């Protein structure tokens, strides 16, 4: 799995949307995104689930790394 990692916390959902929506086009089988920002994780997950003709499963996972809660988002083709 190839992960895109963004360790920044954004102030607003608008900023999170810019990151999330730019990452949607990079998502595909074998690629994922890791962020400590729940706003980015939420925007990216909803954007992936809302794409027309979705032919994959969107997975999410929470984990702790160095005491920081982080979120993984990745897709699995059907």
Protein backbone atom coordinates (compact mmCIF):
# COMPACT_ATOMS: atom_id res chain seq x y z
CA UNK A 1 0.00 0.00 0.00
CA UNK A 2 1.30 3.43 -0.94
CA UNK A 3 0.26 6.04 1.63
CA UNK A 4 -0.03 9.81 1.23
CA UNK A 5 0.63 11.32 4.66
CA UNK A 6 -0.45 14.80 5.68
CA UNK A 7 0.38 15.61 9.32
CA UNK A 8 -1.17 19.09 9.37
CA UNK A 9 -4.29 20.12 11.27
CA UNK A 10 -6.45 22.56 9.33
CA UNK A 11 -8.44 25.42 10.86
CA UNK A 12 -11.55 25.13 8.72
CA UNK A 13 -13.53 22.60 6.72
CA UNK A 14 -12.84 24.74 3.63
CA UNK A 15 -9.10 24.07 4.00
CA UNK A 16 -9.82 20.40 4.70
CA UNK A 17 -11.95 20.20 1.55
CA UNK A 18 -9.08 21.49 -0.58
CA UNK A 19 -6.82 18.73 0.76
CA UNK A 20 -9.52 16.05 0.67
CA UNK A 21 -10.80 16.80 -2.81
CA UNK A 22 -7.30 17.03 -4.27
CA UNK A 23 -6.60 13.61 -2.75
CA UNK A 24 -9.73 11.99 -4.20
CA UNK A 25 -8.19 11.93 -7.67
CA UNK A 26 -5.11 10.17 -6.28
CA UNK A 27 -7.07 7.41 -4.57
CA UNK A 28 -7.24 3.99 -6.14
CA UNK A 29 -6.36 0.39 -5.45
CA UNK A 30 -3.13 0.23 -3.48
CA UNK A 31 -3.20 3.89 -2.41
CA UNK A 32 -4.34 5.44 0.85
CA UNK A 33 -4.29 8.62 2.90
CA UNK A 34 -3.24 9.16 6.53
CA UNK A 35 -4.11 12.30 8.51
CA UNK A 36 -4.47 13.39 12.14
CA UNK A 37 -7.22 15.83 11.10
CA UNK A 38 -10.73 14.42 11.45
CA UNK A 39 -12.01 17.17 9.12
CA UNK A 40 -9.80 15.93 6.27
CA UNK A 41 -10.65 12.28 6.98
CA UNK A 42 -14.37 13.07 6.95
CA UNK A 43 -14.27 15.15 3.77
CA UNK A 44 -12.18 12.57 1.92
CA UNK A 45 -14.35 9.64 3.05
CA UNK A 46 -17.63 11.35 2.11
CA UNK A 47 -16.22 12.49 -1.24
CA UNK A 48 -15.11 8.96 -2.10
CA UNK A 49 -18.46 7.48 -1.06
CA UNK A 50 -20.35 10.09 -3.07
CA UNK A 51 -18.67 9.50 -6.42
CA UNK A 52 -21.04 8.26 -9.16
CA UNK A 53 -20.73 4.65 -10.29
CA UNK A 54 -18.66 3.67 -7.25
CA UNK A 55 -17.15 0.22 -7.80
CA UNK A 56 -15.04 -0.03 -4.67
CA UNK A 57 -15.29 -0.15 -0.89
CA UNK A 58 -14.06 2.80 1.16
CA UNK A 59 -12.23 1.71 4.32
CA UNK A 60 -11.39 3.83 7.36
CA UNK A 61 -9.35 3.06 10.44
CA UNK A 62 -8.34 4.99 13.54
CA UNK A 63 -4.98 4.34 15.20
CA UNK A 64 -2.60 6.01 17.63
CA UNK A 65 0.96 6.91 16.68
CA UNK A 66 3.18 8.60 19.27
CA UNK A 67 0.07 9.40 21.30
CA UNK A 68 -1.65 11.15 18.37
CA UNK A 69 -4.94 9.82 16.99
CA UNK A 70 -4.67 9.41 13.22
CA UNK A 71 -7.04 8.28 10.48
CA UNK A 72 -6.40 6.01 7.50
CA UNK A 73 -8.62 6.08 4.42
CA UNK A 74 -8.19 3.67 1.51
CA UNK A 75 -10.23 1.99 -1.19
CA UNK A 76 -10.61 -1.61 -2.31
CA UNK A 77 -11.83 -2.34 -5.83
CA UNK A 78 -14.74 -4.76 -6.16
